[in-house]
Amino acid sequence: MKENLQELGLSEGEAEIYLALFKLTNASITQLAKKTGRHRTHIYDTIEKLKEKGLVYESITDNKRVFSAADPENLLNYLKEKEETANEIVQELHQFQKSLKNEIQVETYKGTAGLKSVFRDILREKKDYIGYGEGRRFMVILPIFYEQFRNKLEELGIATRLILKKGIKIPFRKWLQIKYLDYISPSTTFIYGDKVAIVIWQPFPTAIKITDKQVADSYRTYFEVMWKQAKP
């Protein structure tokens, strides 16, 4: 029974003294010390904890302080209170999780290794993606990785739409749609899932990745406006 009480949340000392009080009925600290072999100071502290839980009550008999185990039903009340507290904590943690999810995450990646991390993230998402901006730098800076990336897009069936500066030619791929504008940003912006990746190619390759649904949706809307204006 002591082990069962411990499983319900009582410490080993609390369970032992609680059971001892059932056997002794009304017991002084001295009697409990003899019964359990525990130090008086420890028993005092444990009794106070059991009183806080509503499992023990104190009375005066022959001008002496004695302690008794409360109605066993109080054990159920104690557990109900713990359950209510646990439910409150769970609700607070859920709110905390929601607040974290609502926070905009901004990450910066530098150098070619950083760029590869961003493009690998596009592949991990396995969602269709769109982009606009300078299109040649990727091929020039990471020629081998560029081909690997394109082949993986085709393998995963990730459809792509790009808006590039007029005059830039990219080999035809069935999963790729391209339109052109006379002027386009020298950086490149990719939108995929709830993420936006802005790649600044010069003077040093740097990528800024933003994770936030609202931000991604706003960039997606902007892209669709440009897509209507762009020419095949």
C-alpha atoms as a PDB file:
ATOM      1  CA  MET A   1       0.000   0.000   0.000  1.00  0.00           C
ATOM      2  CA  LYS A   2       2.906   2.344   0.669  1.00  0.00           C
ATOM      3  CA  GLU A   3       4.077   1.959  -2.917  1.00  0.00           C
ATOM      4  CA  ASN A   4       0.557   2.638  -4.170  1.00  0.00           C
ATOM      5  CA  LEU A   5       0.386   5.833  -2.124  1.00  0.00           C
ATOM      6  CA  GLN A   6       3.715   6.913  -3.571  1.00  0.00           C
ATOM      7  CA  GLU A   7       2.342   6.345  -7.061  1.00  0.00           C
ATOM      8  CA  LEU A   8      -0.486   8.726  -6.118  1.00  0.00           C
ATOM      9  CA  GLY A   9       2.038  11.448  -5.343  1.00  0.00           C
ATOM     10  CA  LEU A  10       2.974  11.013  -1.693  1.00  0.00           C
ATOM     11  CA  SER A  11       6.640  10.870  -0.776  1.00  0.00           C
ATOM     12  CA  GLU A  12       7.989   7.723   0.866  1.00  0.00           C
ATOM     13  CA  GLY A  13       7.990   9.434   4.282  1.00  0.00           C
ATOM     14  CA  GLU A  14       4.459  10.792   3.836  1.00  0.00           C
ATOM     15  CA  ALA A  15       3.122   7.384   2.844  1.00  0.00           C
ATOM     16  CA  GLU A  16       4.849   5.673   5.778  1.00  0.00           C
ATOM     17  CA  ILE A  17       3.624   8.153   8.409  1.00  0.00           C
ATOM     18  CA  TYR A  18       0.124   8.264   6.900  1.00  0.00           C
ATOM     19  CA  LEU A  19      -0.178   4.463   7.194  1.00  0.00           C
ATOM     20  CA  ALA A  20       1.349   4.492  10.676  1.00  0.00           C
ATOM     21  CA  LEU A  21      -1.388   6.886  11.834  1.00  0.00           C
ATOM     22  CA  PHE A  22      -4.036   4.445  10.684  1.00  0.00           C
ATOM     23  CA  LYS A  23      -2.454   1.750  12.867  1.00  0.00           C
ATOM     24  CA  LEU A  24      -1.863   3.987  15.899  1.00  0.00           C
ATOM     25  CA  THR A  25      -5.159   5.925  15.640  1.00  0.00           C
ATOM     26  CA  ASN A  26      -4.079   8.918  17.750  1.00  0.00           C
ATOM     27  CA  ALA A  27      -0.308   9.294  17.895  1.00  0.00           C
ATOM     28  CA  SER A  28       2.179  11.757  19.267  1.00  0.00           C
ATOM     29  CA  ILE A  29       5.397  12.683  17.490  1.00  0.00           C
ATOM     30  CA  THR A  30       7.296  10.437  19.922  1.00  0.00           C
ATOM     31  CA  GLN A  31       5.039   7.461  19.142  1.00  0.00           C
ATOM     32  CA  LEU A  32       5.421   8.036  15.418  1.00  0.00           C
ATOM     33  CA  ALA A  33       9.198   8.228  15.796  1.00  0.00           C
ATOM     34  CA  LYS A  34       9.228   4.857  17.564  1.00  0.00           C
ATOM     35  CA  LYS A  35       6.857   3.324  15.026  1.00  0.00           C
ATOM     36  CA  THR A  36       8.665   4.499  11.912  1.00  0.00           C
ATOM     37  CA  GLY A  37      12.241   4.892  13.160  1.00  0.00           C
ATOM     38  CA  ARG A  38      12.344   8.365  11.624  1.00  0.00           C
ATOM     39  CA  HIS A  39      13.790  11.477  13.254  1.00  0.00           C
ATOM     40  CA  ARG A  40      11.338  13.741  15.093  1.00  0.00           C
ATOM     41  CA  THR A  41      12.253  16.763  12.959  1.00  0.00           C
ATOM     42  CA  HIS A  42      11.479  14.816   9.785  1.00  0.00           C
ATOM     43  CA  ILE A  43       8.153  13.681  11.246  1.00  0.00           C
ATOM     44  CA  TYR A  44       7.164  17.247  12.162  1.00  0.00           C
ATOM     45  CA  ASP A  45       7.869  18.419   8.599  1.00  0.00           C
ATOM     46  CA  THR A  46       6.045  15.459   7.067  1.00  0.00           C
ATOM     47  CA  ILE A  47       3.013  15.884   9.318  1.00  0.00           C
ATOM     48  CA  GLU A  48       2.703  19.520   8.200  1.00  0.00           C
ATOM     49  CA  LYS A  49       2.758  18.444   4.552  1.00  0.00           C
ATOM     50  CA  LEU A  50       0.093  15.789   5.209  1.00  0.00           C
ATOM     51  CA  LYS A  51      -2.046  18.388   7.007  1.00  0.00           C
ATOM     52  CA  GLU A  52      -1.766  20.691   3.980  1.00  0.00           C
ATOM     53  CA  LYS A  53      -3.009  17.821   1.818  1.00  0.00           C
ATOM     54  CA  GLY A  54      -5.958  17.284   4.161  1.00  0.00           C
ATOM     55  CA  LEU A  55      -4.834  13.756   5.031  1.00  0.00           C
ATOM     56  CA  VAL A  56      -3.977  14.332   8.703  1.00  0.00           C
ATOM     57  CA  TYR A  57      -5.582  16.386  11.465  1.00  0.00           C
ATOM     58  CA  GLU A  58      -4.314  17.492  14.863  1.00  0.00           C
ATOM     59  CA  SER A  59      -6.077  17.370  18.249  1.00  0.00           C
ATOM     60  CA  ILE A  60      -5.273  17.745  21.942  1.00  0.00           C
ATOM     61  CA  THR A  61      -5.552  14.716  24.240  1.00  0.00           C
ATOM     62  CA  ASP A  62      -4.498  14.948  27.894  1.00  0.00           C
ATOM     63  CA  ASN A  63      -2.850  18.295  27.115  1.00  0.00           C
ATOM     64  CA  LYS A  64      -0.721  16.664  24.420  1.00  0.00           C
ATOM     65  CA  ARG A  65      -0.684  17.214  20.683  1.00  0.00           C
ATOM     66  CA  VAL A  66      -1.696  14.078  18.864  1.00  0.00           C
ATOM     67  CA  PHE A  67      -2.273  13.379  15.194  1.00  0.00           C
ATOM     68  CA  SER A  68      -4.737  11.176  13.356  1.00  0.00           C
ATOM     69  CA  ALA A  69      -5.299  10.095   9.784  1.00  0.00           C
ATOM     70  CA  ALA A  70      -8.234  11.910   8.230  1.00  0.00           C
ATOM     71  CA  ASP A  71     -11.143  10.203   6.499  1.00  0.00           C
ATOM     72  CA  PRO A  72      -9.702   8.164   3.595  1.00  0.00           C
ATOM     73  CA  GLU A  73     -12.164   9.980   1.314  1.00  0.00           C
ATOM     74  CA  ASN A  74      -9.893  13.008   1.745  1.00  0.00           C
ATOM     75  CA  LEU A  75      -7.330  11.129  -0.317  1.00  0.00           C
ATOM     76  CA  LEU A  76      -9.749  11.305  -3.264  1.00  0.00           C
ATOM     77  CA  ASN A  77     -10.291  15.002  -2.628  1.00  0.00           C
ATOM     78  CA  TYR A  78      -6.525  15.512  -2.635  1.00  0.00           C
ATOM     79  CA  LEU A  79      -6.248  13.719  -5.968  1.00  0.00           C
ATOM     80  CA  LYS A  80      -9.111  15.764  -7.433  1.00  0.00           C
ATOM     81  CA  GLU A  81      -7.343  18.954  -6.413  1.00  0.00           C
ATOM     82  CA  LYS A  82      -4.162  17.691  -8.076  1.00  0.00           C
ATOM     83  CA  GLU A  83      -6.142  16.896 -11.219  1.00  0.00           C
ATOM     84  CA  GLU A  84      -7.665  20.393 -11.248  1.00  0.00           C
ATOM     85  CA  THR A  85      -4.214  21.912 -10.798  1.00  0.00           C
ATOM     86  CA  ALA A  86      -2.860  19.704 -13.582  1.00  0.00           C
ATOM     87  CA  ASN A  87      -5.702  20.797 -15.884  1.00  0.00           C
ATOM     88  CA  GLU A  88      -4.908  24.458 -15.173  1.00  0.00           C
ATOM     89  CA  ILE A  89      -1.235  23.864 -15.936  1.00  0.00           C
ATOM     90  CA  VAL A  90      -2.090  22.038 -19.173  1.00  0.00           C
ATOM     91  CA  GLN A  91      -4.271  24.944 -20.292  1.00  0.00           C
ATOM     92  CA  GLU A  92      -1.511  27.432 -19.506  1.00  0.00           C
ATOM     93  CA  LEU A  93       1.019  25.326 -21.418  1.00  0.00           C
ATOM     94  CA  HIS A  94      -1.345  25.146 -24.416  1.00  0.00           C
ATOM     95  CA  GLN A  95      -1.608  28.941 -24.378  1.00  0.00           C
ATOM     96  CA  PHE A  96       2.169  29.184 -24.129  1.00  0.00           C
ATOM     97  CA  GLN A  97       2.571  26.856 -27.123  1.00  0.00           C
ATOM     98  CA  LYS A  98       0.119  28.953 -29.143  1.00  0.00           C
ATOM     99  CA  SER A  99       2.008  32.129 -28.298  1.00  0.00           C
ATOM    100  CA  LEU A 100       5.261  30.526 -29.471  1.00  0.00           C
ATOM    101  CA  LYS A 101       3.652  29.410 -32.705  1.00  0.00           C
ATOM    102  CA  ASN A 102       2.371  32.928 -33.265  1.00  0.00           C
ATOM    103  CA  GLU A 103       5.833  34.412 -32.943  1.00  0.00           C
ATOM    104  CA  ILE A 104       7.593  35.232 -36.193  1.00  0.00           C
ATOM    105  CA  GLN A 105      10.799  33.221 -36.557  1.00  0.00           C
ATOM    106  CA  VAL A 106      13.606  34.912 -38.444  1.00  0.00           C
ATOM    107  CA  GLU A 107      16.807  33.027 -39.261  1.00  0.00           C
ATOM    108  CA  THR A 108      19.880  34.189 -41.160  1.00  0.00           C
ATOM    109  CA  TYR A 109      22.109  31.915 -43.229  1.00  0.00           C
ATOM    110  CA  LYS A 110      25.431  33.039 -44.667  1.00  0.00           C
ATOM    111  CA  GLY A 111      27.718  31.618 -47.341  1.00  0.00           C
ATOM    112  CA  THR A 112      27.110  28.799 -49.779  1.00  0.00           C
ATOM    113  CA  ALA A 113      26.548  26.295 -46.957  1.00  0.00           C
ATOM    114  CA  GLY A 114      23.797  28.549 -45.624  1.00  0.00           C
ATOM    115  CA  LEU A 115      22.168  28.794 -49.046  1.00  0.00           C
ATOM    116  CA  LYS A 116      22.176  25.013 -49.374  1.00  0.00           C
ATOM    117  CA  SER A 117      20.391  24.749 -46.016  1.00  0.00           C
ATOM    118  CA  VAL A 118      17.594  26.987 -47.265  1.00  0.00           C
ATOM    119  CA  PHE A 119      17.139  25.104 -50.534  1.00  0.00           C
ATOM    120  CA  ARG A 120      17.172  21.778 -48.689  1.00  0.00           C
ATOM    121  CA  ASP A 121      14.433  23.177 -46.478  1.00  0.00           C
ATOM    122  CA  ILE A 122      12.327  23.785 -49.594  1.00  0.00           C
ATOM    123  CA  LEU A 123      12.765  20.118 -50.485  1.00  0.00           C
ATOM    124  CA  ARG A 124      11.892  18.995 -46.944  1.00  0.00           C
ATOM    125  CA  GLU A 125       8.625  20.935 -47.065  1.00  0.00           C
ATOM    126  CA  LYS A 126       7.616  18.982 -50.186  1.00  0.00           C
ATOM    127  CA  LYS A 127       5.180  21.743 -51.113  1.00  0.00           C
ATOM    128  CA  ASP A 128       4.825  23.680 -54.350  1.00  0.00           C
ATOM    129  CA  TYR A 129       6.825  26.871 -54.201  1.00  0.00           C
ATOM    130  CA  ILE A 130       6.983  30.190 -55.961  1.00  0.00           C
ATOM    131  CA  GLY A 131       9.706  32.772 -56.328  1.00  0.00           C
ATOM    132  CA  TYR A 132      10.774  35.972 -57.999  1.00  0.00           C
ATOM    133  CA  GLY A 133      14.015  37.860 -58.538  1.00  0.00           C
ATOM    134  CA  GLU A 134      17.484  37.295 -59.924  1.00  0.00           C
ATOM    135  CA  GLY A 135      17.644  33.802 -61.364  1.00  0.00           C
ATOM    136  CA  ARG A 136      21.170  33.395 -62.667  1.00  0.00           C
ATOM    137  CA  ARG A 137      23.147  33.715 -59.428  1.00  0.00           C
ATOM    138  CA  PHE A 138      22.002  30.345 -58.110  1.00  0.00           C
ATOM    139  CA  MET A 139      23.346  28.632 -61.247  1.00  0.00           C
ATOM    140  CA  VAL A 140      26.616  30.566 -61.114  1.00  0.00           C
ATOM    141  CA  ILE A 141      27.379  30.282 -57.390  1.00  0.00           C
ATOM    142  CA  LEU A 142      26.238  26.671 -56.878  1.00  0.00           C
ATOM    143  CA  PRO A 143      26.209  25.043 -60.350  1.00  0.00           C
ATOM    144  CA  ILE A 144      26.402  21.390 -59.206  1.00  0.00           C
ATOM    145  CA  PHE A 145      24.012  21.841 -56.285  1.00  0.00           C
ATOM    146  CA  TYR A 146      21.650  23.760 -58.587  1.00  0.00           C
ATOM    147  CA  GLU A 147      21.312  20.737 -60.882  1.00  0.00           C
ATOM    148  CA  GLN A 148      20.880  18.401 -57.925  1.00  0.00           C
ATOM    149  CA  PHE A 149      18.201  20.693 -56.519  1.00  0.00           C
ATOM    150  CA  ARG A 150      16.300  20.822 -59.796  1.00  0.00           C
ATOM    151  CA  ASN A 151      16.455  17.053 -60.223  1.00  0.00           C
ATOM    152  CA  LYS A 152      15.152  16.564 -56.675  1.00  0.00           C
ATOM    153  CA  LEU A 153      12.262  18.958 -57.329  1.00  0.00           C
ATOM    154  CA  GLU A 154      11.246  16.848 -60.306  1.00  0.00           C
ATOM    155  CA  GLU A 155      11.660  13.615 -58.340  1.00  0.00           C
ATOM    156  CA  LEU A 156       9.442  14.915 -55.518  1.00  0.00           C
ATOM    157  CA  GLY A 157       6.902  16.398 -57.892  1.00  0.00           C
ATOM    158  CA  ILE A 158       7.236  19.904 -56.461  1.00  0.00           C
ATOM    159  CA  ALA A 159       5.655  22.335 -58.900  1.00  0.00           C
ATOM    160  CA  THR A 160       7.443  25.659 -59.282  1.00  0.00           C
ATOM    161  CA  ARG A 161       6.504  29.070 -60.609  1.00  0.00           C
ATOM    162  CA  LEU A 162       9.176  31.733 -61.046  1.00  0.00           C
ATOM    163  CA  ILE A 163       9.145  35.356 -62.139  1.00  0.00           C
ATOM    164  CA  LEU A 164      12.510  36.366 -63.598  1.00  0.00           C
ATOM    165  CA  LYS A 165      14.054  39.356 -65.245  1.00  0.00           C
ATOM    166  CA  LYS A 166      13.401  39.450 -68.959  1.00  0.00           C
ATOM    167  CA  GLY A 167      16.231  37.829 -70.934  1.00  0.00           C
ATOM    168  CA  ILE A 168      17.184  35.141 -68.405  1.00  0.00           C
ATOM    169  CA  LYS A 169      16.803  31.691 -69.928  1.00  0.00           C
ATOM    170  CA  ILE A 170      16.393  28.483 -67.937  1.00  0.00           C
ATOM    171  CA  PRO A 171      16.084  25.028 -69.587  1.00  0.00           C
ATOM    172  CA  PHE A 172      12.495  23.776 -69.842  1.00  0.00           C
ATOM    173  CA  ARG A 173      11.217  21.431 -67.150  1.00  0.00           C
ATOM    174  CA  LYS A 174       7.618  20.148 -67.077  1.00  0.00           C
ATOM    175  CA  TRP A 175       7.204  21.046 -63.406  1.00  0.00           C
ATOM    176  CA  LEU A 176       8.490  24.583 -63.948  1.00  0.00           C
ATOM    177  CA  GLN A 177       6.537  27.635 -65.117  1.00  0.00           C
ATOM    178  CA  ILE A 178       8.355  30.890 -65.815  1.00  0.00           C
ATOM    179  CA  LYS A 179       7.171  34.410 -66.544  1.00  0.00           C
ATOM    180  CA  TYR A 180       9.194  37.565 -67.068  1.00  0.00           C
ATOM    181  CA  LEU A 181       9.181  41.209 -66.079  1.00  0.00           C
ATOM    182  CA  ASP A 182      11.332  44.021 -67.456  1.00  0.00           C
ATOM    183  CA  TYR A 183      12.534  44.851 -63.955  1.00  0.00           C
ATOM    184  CA  ILE A 184      12.877  42.474 -61.035  1.00  0.00           C
ATOM    185  CA  SER A 185      14.692  42.629 -57.711  1.00  0.00           C
ATOM    186  CA  PRO A 186      18.424  41.703 -57.734  1.00  0.00           C
ATOM    187  CA  SER A 187      17.715  39.500 -54.705  1.00  0.00           C
ATOM    188  CA  THR A 188      15.553  36.387 -54.940  1.00  0.00           C
ATOM    189  CA  THR A 189      12.492  35.642 -52.828  1.00  0.00           C
ATOM    190  CA  PHE A 190      11.053  32.149 -52.419  1.00  0.00           C
ATOM    191  CA  ILE A 191       7.693  31.400 -50.779  1.00  0.00           C
ATOM    192  CA  TYR A 192       6.901  27.847 -49.660  1.00  0.00           C
ATOM    193  CA  GLY A 193       4.536  26.582 -46.980  1.00  0.00           C
ATOM    194  CA  ASP A 194       4.508  29.126 -44.150  1.00  0.00           C
ATOM    195  CA  LYS A 195       8.012  30.324 -45.002  1.00  0.00           C
ATOM    196  CA  VAL A 196       9.643  33.086 -46.981  1.00  0.00           C
ATOM    197  CA  ALA A 197      13.326  32.941 -47.943  1.00  0.00           C
ATOM    198  CA  ILE A 198      15.006  36.082 -49.237  1.00  0.00           C
ATOM    199  CA  VAL A 199      18.391  35.442 -50.832  1.00  0.00           C
ATOM    200  CA  ILE A 200      20.824  38.342 -51.234  1.00  0.00           C
ATOM    201  CA  TRP A 201      23.485  37.193 -53.677  1.00  0.00           C
ATOM    202  CA  GLN A 202      26.013  40.042 -53.515  1.00  0.00           C
ATOM    203  CA  PRO A 203      28.495  40.972 -52.182  1.00  0.00           C
ATOM    204  CA  PHE A 204      28.302  37.865 -49.970  1.00  0.00           C
ATOM    205  CA  PRO A 205      25.578  35.202 -50.310  1.00  0.00           C
ATOM    206  CA  THR A 206      23.100  35.624 -47.446  1.00  0.00           C
ATOM    207  CA  ALA A 207      19.639  34.152 -46.933  1.00  0.00           C
ATOM    208  CA  ILE A 208      16.985  35.408 -44.527  1.00  0.00           C
ATOM    209  CA  LYS A 209      14.264  32.865 -43.724  1.00  0.00           C
ATOM    210  CA  ILE A 210      11.011  34.028 -42.150  1.00  0.00           C
ATOM    211  CA  THR A 211       8.566  31.497 -40.723  1.00  0.00           C
ATOM    212  CA  ASP A 212       5.096  32.926 -40.267  1.00  0.00           C
ATOM    213  CA  LYS A 213       1.843  32.100 -42.066  1.00  0.00           C
ATOM    214  CA  GLN A 214       0.619  35.676 -42.343  1.00  0.00           C
ATOM    215  CA  VAL A 215       3.921  36.894 -43.728  1.00  0.00           C
ATOM    216  CA  ALA A 216       4.059  34.000 -46.211  1.00  0.00           C
ATOM    217  CA  ASP A 217       0.467  34.660 -47.316  1.00  0.00           C
ATOM    218  CA  SER A 218       1.178  38.365 -47.871  1.00  0.00           C
ATOM    219  CA  TYR A 219       4.223  37.560 -50.029  1.00  0.00           C
ATOM    220  CA  ARG A 220       2.147  34.967 -51.883  1.00  0.00           C
ATOM    221  CA  THR A 221      -0.505  37.586 -52.644  1.00  0.00           C
ATOM    222  CA  TYR A 222       2.153  39.990 -53.904  1.00  0.00           C
ATOM    223  CA  PHE A 223       3.564  37.244 -56.139  1.00  0.00           C
ATOM    224  CA  GLU A 224       0.130  36.547 -57.680  1.00  0.00           C
ATOM    225  CA  VAL A 225      -0.269  40.243 -58.539  1.00  0.00           C
ATOM    226  CA  MET A 226       3.125  40.216 -60.306  1.00  0.00           C
ATOM    227  CA  TRP A 227       2.322  36.879 -61.973  1.00  0.00           C
ATOM    228  CA  LYS A 228      -0.712  38.457 -63.672  1.00  0.00           C
ATOM    229  CA  GLN A 229       1.440  41.324 -64.924  1.00  0.00           C
ATOM    230  CA  ALA A 230       4.366  39.191 -66.033  1.00  0.00           C
ATOM    231  CA  LYS A 231       4.703  37.861 -69.577  1.00  0.00           C
ATOM    232  CA  PRO A 232       5.458  34.257 -70.659  1.00  0.00           C
END
